[in-house]
Amino acid sequence: MGDSIIIDSDVLIDFLRKKPDVVKWFEDNKNKYDFTTTIVNVFELYTGAFKSFNSGDEIKKVSEFLKTMDIFDLTLDCAKEAGKQRANLEKQGNPLESRDILIGAIAITNNLLLKTNNKKHFERIEGLKLAD
């Protein structure tokens, strides 16, 4: 396997829904990257699963899928990086949702790429490397 890459919630959801272009991206990159995610993304996936009409099935689907991935936790260093990023964005008058800042900080702290479909949000985080 290759380098690890953090997969954002939006991409994971599209994969679970079998969106063809996302499934193809995973297939094309399975030998290039080890697919990982963050504890914040896990929170987002479970929130969606619990809100869904078929929550029992969705919770099971999310749980089974997450067994296939390493999950990066929020550490003290990540929290410090997130605090720095949030302060900088707020000083610029360009705030960003806390969850996105935490995901970005986890990626930065672990020196990992982030695969997301929300590049407009995440490109505002200084030092964060985004995958194509």
N, C-alpha and C. Protein backbone atom coordinates (compact mmCIF):
# COMPACT_ATOMS: atom_id res chain seq x y z
N MET A 1 0.84 -1.19 0.00
CA MET A 1 0.00 0.00 0.00
C MET A 1 0.87 1.25 0.00
N GLY A 2 0.22 2.36 -0.23
CA GLY A 2 0.94 3.62 -0.32
C GLY A 2 0.79 4.46 0.92
N ASP A 3 0.87 5.75 0.71
CA ASP A 3 0.71 6.70 1.81
C ASP A 3 -0.75 6.74 2.25
N SER A 4 -0.94 7.12 3.50
CA SER A 4 -2.30 7.27 4.00
C SER A 4 -2.90 8.58 3.50
N ILE A 5 -4.20 8.58 3.32
CA ILE A 5 -4.95 9.76 2.92
C ILE A 5 -6.24 9.78 3.74
N ILE A 6 -6.59 10.95 4.25
CA ILE A 6 -7.84 11.10 5.00
C ILE A 6 -8.97 11.36 4.00
N ILE A 7 -10.04 10.60 4.15
CA ILE A 7 -11.21 10.76 3.29
C ILE A 7 -12.29 11.49 4.08
N ASP A 8 -12.76 12.60 3.53
CA ASP A 8 -13.77 13.41 4.18
C ASP A 8 -15.15 12.75 4.09
N SER A 9 -16.04 13.18 4.97
CA SER A 9 -17.38 12.59 5.07
C SER A 9 -18.15 12.61 3.76
N ASP A 10 -18.07 13.71 3.03
CA ASP A 10 -18.84 13.81 1.79
C ASP A 10 -18.43 12.73 0.79
N VAL A 11 -17.14 12.45 0.72
CA VAL A 11 -16.63 11.42 -0.19
C VAL A 11 -17.03 10.04 0.32
N LEU A 12 -16.93 9.83 1.62
CA LEU A 12 -17.32 8.54 2.20
C LEU A 12 -18.81 8.26 1.96
N ILE A 13 -19.64 9.27 2.13
CA ILE A 13 -21.08 9.11 1.91
C ILE A 13 -21.36 8.76 0.45
N ASP A 14 -20.69 9.46 -0.46
CA ASP A 14 -20.88 9.17 -1.88
C ASP A 14 -20.42 7.74 -2.21
N PHE A 15 -19.35 7.29 -1.56
CA PHE A 15 -18.88 5.92 -1.78
C PHE A 15 -19.90 4.91 -1.27
N LEU A 16 -20.41 5.15 -0.06
CA LEU A 16 -21.41 4.24 0.51
C LEU A 16 -22.68 4.21 -0.33
N ARG A 17 -22.98 5.31 -1.00
CA ARG A 17 -24.15 5.37 -1.90
C ARG A 17 -23.83 4.88 -3.31
N LYS A 18 -22.58 4.40 -3.46
CA LYS A 18 -22.12 3.83 -4.74
C LYS A 18 -22.17 4.81 -5.91
N LYS A 19 -21.84 6.06 -5.63
CA LYS A 19 -21.78 7.07 -6.69
C LYS A 19 -20.63 6.68 -7.64
N PRO A 20 -20.92 6.48 -8.92
CA PRO A 20 -19.92 5.91 -9.84
C PRO A 20 -18.57 6.61 -9.88
N ASP A 21 -18.55 7.94 -9.94
CA ASP A 21 -17.26 8.63 -10.04
C ASP A 21 -16.44 8.46 -8.76
N VAL A 22 -17.09 8.37 -7.62
CA VAL A 22 -16.37 8.19 -6.36
C VAL A 22 -15.88 6.75 -6.23
N VAL A 23 -16.71 5.80 -6.59
CA VAL A 23 -16.29 4.39 -6.58
C VAL A 23 -15.08 4.22 -7.50
N LYS A 24 -15.11 4.86 -8.66
CA LYS A 24 -13.98 4.80 -9.60
C LYS A 24 -12.73 5.41 -8.99
N TRP A 25 -12.87 6.55 -8.29
CA TRP A 25 -11.70 7.17 -7.66
C TRP A 25 -11.09 6.22 -6.64
N PHE A 26 -11.91 5.58 -5.82
CA PHE A 26 -11.40 4.62 -4.84
C PHE A 26 -10.68 3.47 -5.55
N GLU A 27 -11.30 2.95 -6.59
CA GLU A 27 -10.70 1.83 -7.33
C GLU A 27 -9.36 2.26 -7.96
N ASP A 28 -9.33 3.44 -8.56
CA ASP A 28 -8.11 3.93 -9.22
C ASP A 28 -6.98 4.21 -8.23
N ASN A 29 -7.32 4.48 -6.98
CA ASN A 29 -6.31 4.89 -6.00
C ASN A 29 -6.05 3.88 -4.89
N LYS A 30 -6.64 2.69 -4.98
CA LYS A 30 -6.51 1.72 -3.89
C LYS A 30 -5.08 1.23 -3.70
N ASN A 31 -4.25 1.26 -4.73
CA ASN A 31 -2.85 0.86 -4.58
C ASN A 31 -1.93 2.04 -4.28
N LYS A 32 -2.45 3.23 -4.45
CA LYS A 32 -1.67 4.45 -4.21
C LYS A 32 -1.77 4.89 -2.75
N TYR A 33 -2.95 4.73 -2.15
CA TYR A 33 -3.21 5.24 -0.80
C TYR A 33 -3.79 4.17 0.12
N ASP A 34 -3.50 4.34 1.40
CA ASP A 34 -4.24 3.66 2.46
C ASP A 34 -5.34 4.63 2.86
N PHE A 35 -6.59 4.23 2.71
CA PHE A 35 -7.72 5.11 3.00
C PHE A 35 -7.98 5.16 4.50
N THR A 36 -8.02 6.37 5.03
CA THR A 36 -8.28 6.59 6.46
C THR A 36 -9.33 7.69 6.59
N THR A 37 -9.75 7.92 7.81
CA THR A 37 -10.64 9.04 8.08
C THR A 37 -10.36 9.54 9.49
N THR A 38 -11.16 10.48 9.97
CA THR A 38 -10.95 11.04 11.30
C THR A 38 -12.15 10.74 12.19
N ILE A 39 -11.95 10.87 13.47
CA ILE A 39 -13.03 10.67 14.42
C ILE A 39 -14.16 11.68 14.19
N VAL A 40 -13.82 12.85 13.67
CA VAL A 40 -14.84 13.86 13.36
C VAL A 40 -15.72 13.37 12.21
N ASN A 41 -15.10 12.76 11.20
CA ASN A 41 -15.87 12.21 10.09
C ASN A 41 -16.75 11.05 10.55
N VAL A 42 -16.24 10.25 11.48
CA VAL A 42 -17.04 9.16 12.04
C VAL A 42 -18.29 9.73 12.71
N PHE A 43 -18.12 10.79 13.48
CA PHE A 43 -19.25 11.49 14.10
C PHE A 43 -20.27 11.92 13.05
N GLU A 44 -19.78 12.51 11.95
CA GLU A 44 -20.68 12.97 10.89
C GLU A 44 -21.42 11.81 10.22
N LEU A 45 -20.71 10.71 9.98
CA LEU A 45 -21.35 9.55 9.35
C LEU A 45 -22.44 8.96 10.25
N TYR A 46 -22.12 8.82 11.53
CA TYR A 46 -23.13 8.27 12.44
C TYR A 46 -24.31 9.22 12.64
N THR A 47 -24.06 10.51 12.63
CA THR A 47 -25.17 11.47 12.73
C THR A 47 -26.14 11.25 11.58
N GLY A 48 -25.61 11.16 10.38
CA GLY A 48 -26.45 10.91 9.21
C GLY A 48 -27.18 9.58 9.29
N ALA A 49 -26.48 8.55 9.76
CA ALA A 49 -27.10 7.23 9.87
C ALA A 49 -28.26 7.23 10.86
N PHE A 50 -28.06 7.87 12.02
CA PHE A 50 -29.12 7.92 13.02
C PHE A 50 -30.32 8.75 12.56
N LYS A 51 -30.08 9.72 11.68
CA LYS A 51 -31.17 10.56 11.18
C LYS A 51 -31.94 9.91 10.04
N SER A 52 -31.39 8.88 9.44
CA SER A 52 -32.01 8.30 8.24
C SER A 52 -33.27 7.51 8.57
N PHE A 53 -34.08 7.32 7.55
CA PHE A 53 -35.34 6.59 7.69
C PHE A 53 -35.09 5.14 8.12
N ASN A 54 -34.09 4.52 7.53
CA ASN A 54 -33.71 3.14 7.87
C ASN A 54 -32.48 3.15 8.75
N SER A 55 -32.56 3.79 9.90
CA SER A 55 -31.38 4.02 10.72
C SER A 55 -30.66 2.74 11.12
N GLY A 56 -31.39 1.69 11.44
CA GLY A 56 -30.74 0.44 11.83
C GLY A 56 -29.82 -0.09 10.75
N ASP A 57 -30.31 -0.12 9.52
CA ASP A 57 -29.51 -0.58 8.39
C ASP A 57 -28.34 0.36 8.13
N GLU A 58 -28.59 1.66 8.19
CA GLU A 58 -27.53 2.64 7.92
C GLU A 58 -26.44 2.59 8.99
N ILE A 59 -26.82 2.44 10.24
CA ILE A 59 -25.83 2.35 11.32
C ILE A 59 -24.96 1.12 11.12
N LYS A 60 -25.58 0.01 10.77
CA LYS A 60 -24.82 -1.22 10.51
C LYS A 60 -23.88 -1.04 9.33
N LYS A 61 -24.37 -0.41 8.25
CA LYS A 61 -23.54 -0.18 7.06
C LYS A 61 -22.32 0.68 7.40
N VAL A 62 -22.55 1.76 8.16
CA VAL A 62 -21.45 2.64 8.55
C VAL A 62 -20.46 1.88 9.44
N SER A 63 -20.97 1.15 10.41
CA SER A 63 -20.09 0.40 11.33
C SER A 63 -19.23 -0.61 10.59
N GLU A 64 -19.83 -1.34 9.67
CA GLU A 64 -19.07 -2.33 8.90
C GLU A 64 -18.03 -1.65 8.01
N PHE A 65 -18.40 -0.57 7.37
CA PHE A 65 -17.47 0.14 6.50
C PHE A 65 -16.29 0.69 7.29
N LEU A 66 -16.55 1.24 8.46
CA LEU A 66 -15.46 1.84 9.24
C LEU A 66 -14.46 0.81 9.73
N LYS A 67 -14.84 -0.44 9.80
CA LYS A 67 -13.90 -1.50 10.19
C LYS A 67 -12.78 -1.65 9.18
N THR A 68 -12.99 -1.14 7.96
CA THR A 68 -11.99 -1.28 6.90
C THR A 68 -10.98 -0.13 6.88
N MET A 69 -11.15 0.84 7.77
CA MET A 69 -10.32 2.05 7.72
C MET A 69 -9.66 2.32 9.06
N ASP A 70 -8.46 2.89 9.00
CA ASP A 70 -7.86 3.46 10.21
C ASP A 70 -8.55 4.79 10.48
N ILE A 71 -8.71 5.12 11.75
CA ILE A 71 -9.38 6.35 12.15
C ILE A 71 -8.43 7.18 13.00
N PHE A 72 -8.17 8.40 12.55
CA PHE A 72 -7.29 9.30 13.30
C PHE A 72 -8.10 10.04 14.35
N ASP A 73 -7.59 10.01 15.58
CA ASP A 73 -8.25 10.67 16.70
C ASP A 73 -7.80 12.13 16.81
N LEU A 74 -8.55 12.86 17.58
CA LEU A 74 -8.20 14.24 17.92
C LEU A 74 -7.23 14.19 19.10
N THR A 75 -6.04 14.70 18.91
CA THR A 75 -5.02 14.73 19.96
C THR A 75 -4.83 16.16 20.45
N LEU A 76 -4.02 16.31 21.48
CA LEU A 76 -3.71 17.64 21.99
C LEU A 76 -3.05 18.50 20.90
N ASP A 77 -2.12 17.91 20.15
CA ASP A 77 -1.48 18.65 19.06
C ASP A 77 -2.49 19.07 17.98
N CYS A 78 -3.43 18.17 17.67
CA CYS A 78 -4.47 18.50 16.69
C CYS A 78 -5.35 19.64 17.19
N ALA A 79 -5.70 19.59 18.48
CA ALA A 79 -6.54 20.64 19.06
C ALA A 79 -5.81 21.98 19.02
N LYS A 80 -4.52 21.96 19.29
CA LYS A 80 -3.72 23.20 19.25
C LYS A 80 -3.70 23.76 17.82
N GLU A 81 -3.46 22.89 16.85
CA GLU A 81 -3.45 23.31 15.44
C GLU A 81 -4.82 23.86 15.04
N ALA A 82 -5.88 23.20 15.47
CA ALA A 82 -7.23 23.66 15.15
C ALA A 82 -7.50 25.04 15.76
N GLY A 83 -7.05 25.24 16.98
CA GLY A 83 -7.22 26.54 17.62
C GLY A 83 -6.49 27.64 16.86
N LYS A 84 -5.27 27.33 16.42
CA LYS A 84 -4.50 28.30 15.63
C LYS A 84 -5.21 28.62 14.32
N GLN A 85 -5.68 27.59 13.63
CA GLN A 85 -6.36 27.78 12.35
C GLN A 85 -7.64 28.59 12.52
N ARG A 86 -8.41 28.26 13.54
CA ARG A 86 -9.68 28.98 13.76
C ARG A 86 -9.42 30.45 14.08
N ALA A 87 -8.43 30.70 14.94
CA ALA A 87 -8.10 32.08 15.29
C ALA A 87 -7.68 32.86 14.05
N ASN A 88 -6.83 32.26 13.21
CA ASN A 88 -6.39 32.94 11.99
C ASN A 88 -7.55 33.24 11.05
N LEU A 89 -8.44 32.27 10.88
CA LEU A 89 -9.59 32.48 9.99
C LEU A 89 -10.53 33.55 10.53
N GLU A 90 -10.75 33.54 11.84
CA GLU A 90 -11.64 34.55 12.43
C GLU A 90 -11.02 35.94 12.35
N LYS A 91 -9.70 36.04 12.53
CA LYS A 91 -9.02 37.33 12.40
C LYS A 91 -9.17 37.89 10.98
N GLN A 92 -9.21 36.99 10.00
CA GLN A 92 -9.37 37.39 8.60
C GLN A 92 -10.83 37.67 8.25
N GLY A 93 -11.73 37.44 9.21
CA GLY A 93 -13.15 37.60 8.93
C GLY A 93 -13.68 36.51 8.01
N ASN A 94 -13.05 35.34 8.08
CA ASN A 94 -13.35 34.24 7.16
C ASN A 94 -13.57 32.95 7.95
N PRO A 95 -14.54 32.93 8.88
CA PRO A 95 -14.70 31.76 9.75
C PRO A 95 -15.11 30.51 8.98
N LEU A 96 -14.83 29.38 9.60
CA LEU A 96 -15.14 28.08 9.02
C LEU A 96 -15.72 27.21 10.12
N GLU A 97 -16.59 26.29 9.76
CA GLU A 97 -17.22 25.42 10.74
C GLU A 97 -16.17 24.63 11.53
N SER A 98 -16.39 24.50 12.82
CA SER A 98 -15.43 23.83 13.71
C SER A 98 -15.08 22.43 13.24
N ARG A 99 -16.07 21.68 12.78
CA ARG A 99 -15.79 20.31 12.34
C ARG A 99 -14.78 20.29 11.20
N ASP A 100 -14.92 21.20 10.25
CA ASP A 100 -13.98 21.24 9.13
C ASP A 100 -12.59 21.64 9.60
N ILE A 101 -12.51 22.56 10.53
CA ILE A 101 -11.21 22.96 11.08
C ILE A 101 -10.56 21.79 11.80
N LEU A 102 -11.33 21.04 12.57
CA LEU A 102 -10.78 19.88 13.28
C LEU A 102 -10.28 18.81 12.30
N ILE A 103 -11.04 18.54 11.26
CA ILE A 103 -10.61 17.57 10.25
C ILE A 103 -9.32 18.03 9.59
N GLY A 104 -9.27 19.30 9.20
CA GLY A 104 -8.06 19.85 8.60
C GLY A 104 -6.87 19.80 9.53
N ALA A 105 -7.08 20.11 10.79
CA ALA A 105 -5.99 20.08 11.78
C ALA A 105 -5.46 18.67 11.98
N ILE A 106 -6.34 17.69 11.98
CA ILE A 106 -5.89 16.29 12.10
C ILE A 106 -5.03 15.92 10.90
N ALA A 107 -5.44 16.33 9.70
CA ALA A 107 -4.65 16.05 8.50
C ALA A 107 -3.29 16.75 8.55
N ILE A 108 -3.28 18.02 8.94
CA ILE A 108 -2.02 18.78 9.02
C ILE A 108 -1.08 18.16 10.04
N THR A 109 -1.60 17.88 11.22
CA THR A 109 -0.77 17.35 12.31
C THR A 109 -0.15 16.00 11.94
N ASN A 110 -0.87 15.20 11.17
CA ASN A 110 -0.38 13.89 10.77
C ASN A 110 0.28 13.90 9.39
N ASN A 111 0.44 15.11 8.81
CA ASN A 111 1.07 15.30 7.51
C ASN A 111 0.43 14.43 6.42
N LEU A 112 -0.91 14.51 6.35
CA LEU A 112 -1.65 13.70 5.40
C LEU A 112 -2.44 14.57 4.43
N LEU A 113 -2.66 14.04 3.24
CA LEU A 113 -3.57 14.65 2.28
C LEU A 113 -5.00 14.45 2.74
N LEU A 114 -5.88 15.35 2.31
CA LEU A 114 -7.31 15.22 2.56
C LEU A 114 -8.03 15.14 1.22
N LYS A 115 -8.86 14.11 1.05
CA LYS A 115 -9.71 13.99 -0.13
C LYS A 115 -11.10 14.46 0.26
N THR A 116 -11.56 15.53 -0.39
CA THR A 116 -12.87 16.11 -0.10
C THR A 116 -13.48 16.65 -1.37
N ASN A 117 -14.79 16.76 -1.36
CA ASN A 117 -15.49 17.46 -2.44
C ASN A 117 -15.79 18.91 -2.05
N ASN A 118 -15.42 19.28 -0.84
CA ASN A 118 -15.65 20.64 -0.33
C ASN A 118 -14.36 21.45 -0.32
N LYS A 119 -13.69 21.49 -1.46
CA LYS A 119 -12.40 22.17 -1.52
C LYS A 119 -12.50 23.65 -1.16
N LYS A 120 -13.62 24.29 -1.51
CA LYS A 120 -13.76 25.72 -1.19
C LYS A 120 -13.68 25.97 0.31
N HIS A 121 -14.21 25.06 1.11
CA HIS A 121 -14.10 25.21 2.56
C HIS A 121 -12.67 24.97 3.02
N PHE A 122 -12.13 23.83 2.62
CA PHE A 122 -10.87 23.37 3.18
C PHE A 122 -9.65 24.12 2.65
N GLU A 123 -9.73 24.69 1.46
CA GLU A 123 -8.56 25.40 0.92
C GLU A 123 -8.23 26.65 1.73
N ARG A 124 -9.14 27.07 2.58
CA ARG A 124 -8.89 28.24 3.44
C ARG A 124 -8.02 27.90 4.64
N ILE A 125 -7.79 26.62 4.89
CA ILE A 125 -6.98 26.20 6.04
C ILE A 125 -5.52 26.18 5.61
N GLU A 126 -4.74 27.05 6.22
CA GLU A 126 -3.33 27.21 5.86
C GLU A 126 -2.54 25.94 6.16
N GLY A 127 -1.80 25.47 5.15
CA GLY A 127 -0.93 24.31 5.32
C GLY A 127 -1.60 22.98 5.05
N LEU A 128 -2.88 22.98 4.76
CA LEU A 128 -3.60 21.74 4.48
C LEU A 128 -3.40 21.36 3.02
N LYS A 129 -3.03 20.10 2.81
CA LYS A 129 -2.82 19.59 1.45
C LYS A 129 -4.05 18.80 1.02
N LEU A 130 -4.61 19.19 -0.13
CA LEU A 130 -5.81 18.54 -0.64
C LEU A 130 -5.47 17.65 -1.83
N ALA A 131 -6.11 16.49 -1.88
CA ALA A 131 -5.92 15.57 -3.00
C ALA A 131 -6.88 15.94 -4.13
N ASP A 132 -6.49 15.58 -5.34
CA ASP A 132 -7.37 15.79 -6.50
C ASP A 132 -8.48 14.77 -6.52
